[in-house]
Amino acid sequence: MLTLLVFSVIRVRKWKCVKETLAIVSFVYLLNFIKGYLKMNTNVHHVQENFFISLQDCINKEEKTKKNMH
């Protein structure tokens, strides 16, 4: 995983892409950590439902914004 990241960094040589890749990788690690943490919790389903509802709201708002721009 790390070697792949290093190779892509060398190949890309664009700071913006590097930052985005690092952000995505760290976000995935954070999600996995949260998932592991939630498994120990009893309110997993409740938390997940709230998360997905807010995520869906966010996506819907983005879609509406895009449609209004066109």
Protein backbone atom coordinates (compact mmCIF):
# COMPACT_ATOMS: atom_id res chain seq x y z
CA MET A 1 0.00 0.00 0.00
CA LEU A 2 2.70 2.47 1.02
CA THR A 3 5.01 1.52 -1.87
CA LEU A 4 2.11 1.98 -4.29
CA LEU A 5 1.53 5.44 -2.84
CA VAL A 6 5.22 6.33 -3.18
CA PHE A 7 5.30 5.15 -6.79
CA SER A 8 2.21 7.18 -7.68
CA VAL A 9 3.72 10.22 -5.97
CA ILE A 10 6.92 9.85 -8.02
CA ARG A 11 4.95 9.28 -11.22
CA VAL A 12 2.48 12.12 -10.72
CA ARG A 13 4.79 14.85 -9.40
CA LYS A 14 1.78 17.14 -8.94
CA TRP A 15 1.32 18.44 -5.42
CA LYS A 16 -2.44 18.80 -5.76
CA CYS A 17 -2.86 15.16 -6.75
CA VAL A 18 -0.51 14.08 -3.98
CA LYS A 19 -2.54 16.00 -1.42
CA GLU A 20 -5.79 14.54 -2.74
CA THR A 21 -4.40 11.00 -2.68
CA LEU A 22 -3.11 11.43 0.87
CA ALA A 23 -6.46 12.88 1.91
CA ILE A 24 -8.33 9.92 0.39
CA VAL A 25 -5.97 7.36 1.96
CA SER A 26 -6.15 8.95 5.40
CA PHE A 27 -9.94 9.28 5.06
CA VAL A 28 -10.22 5.55 4.31
CA TYR A 29 -8.02 4.74 7.31
CA LEU A 30 -10.17 7.02 9.46
CA LEU A 31 -13.35 5.30 8.25
CA ASN A 32 -11.89 1.88 9.05
CA PHE A 33 -10.91 3.11 12.50
CA ILE A 34 -14.41 4.48 13.10
CA LYS A 35 -15.96 1.22 11.88
CA GLY A 36 -13.77 -0.74 14.29
CA TYR A 37 -14.71 1.64 17.11
CA LEU A 38 -18.42 1.43 16.33
CA LYS A 39 -18.35 -2.37 16.41
CA MET A 40 -17.58 -2.10 20.13
CA ASN A 41 -20.56 0.24 20.55
CA THR A 42 -24.13 -1.00 20.94
CA ASN A 43 -25.72 1.86 18.97
CA VAL A 44 -23.96 0.93 15.73
CA HIS A 45 -27.08 0.80 13.58
CA HIS A 46 -28.38 4.06 14.96
CA VAL A 47 -25.08 5.84 14.30
CA GLN A 48 -24.77 4.30 10.82
CA GLU A 49 -28.33 5.33 9.92
CA ASN A 50 -27.67 8.90 11.01
CA PHE A 51 -24.40 8.92 9.09
CA PHE A 52 -25.97 7.63 5.88
CA ILE A 53 -28.93 9.99 6.19
CA SER A 54 -26.63 13.01 6.56
CA LEU A 55 -24.43 11.68 3.74
CA GLN A 56 -27.49 11.34 1.49
CA ASP A 57 -28.60 14.86 2.42
CA CYS A 58 -25.18 16.17 1.48
CA ILE A 59 -25.25 14.34 -1.88
CA ASN A 60 -28.76 15.63 -2.60
CA LYS A 61 -27.69 19.22 -1.84
CA GLU A 62 -24.70 18.84 -4.16
CA GLU A 63 -26.92 17.52 -6.94
CA LYS A 64 -29.39 20.39 -6.53
CA THR A 65 -26.54 22.91 -6.59
CA LYS A 66 -25.18 21.38 -9.81
CA LYS A 67 -28.63 21.43 -11.45
CA ASN A 68 -29.19 25.07 -10.48
CA MET A 69 -25.85 26.05 -12.03
CA HIS A 70 -26.73 24.59 -15.45
